[in-house]
Amino acid sequence: MRNAMGELPIVFTSIGRWWGTNPVTHGQEEIDLVANDGKDYIFGECKWRNEKLDLSVLRKLKAKADIFSKNRNSTYYMLFSKSGFTEAVINEAKSDSSIMLVDLDEIMNF
């Protein structure tokens, strides 16, 4: 719904989850949400835990996003959390407009 209403940084035409082999580490990776419009991407991580999502989750998501082609115009990151976010994550999102935080209340209305 938010996509159709233009409330996200891109109007994506493709969305899903991704899993596969990291070509650098040769380990298995997964990304909960990958959406794109052909040139811009949103990568998302969802955590349904009783503790706040911390900065390590954002760093890991950014590292996993690097698996994808560097030939993209813009990259955005969405973090979804049942229990909210640590102060460090909130501060990072305030200083970087490519990071979007979605807490439980927003998830229920997404």
Foldseek 3Di string as FASTA:
>chain_A
DCLVVVVDPHNFPDKAKDWDAQPVVRDIDIFGMWTHNVAEIETEDEDEDQDADEPVVVVVRVVVVVSDDPRHDYYAYEYEYAHHHDPVLVVVCVVDVRYHYHYPVNVVVD
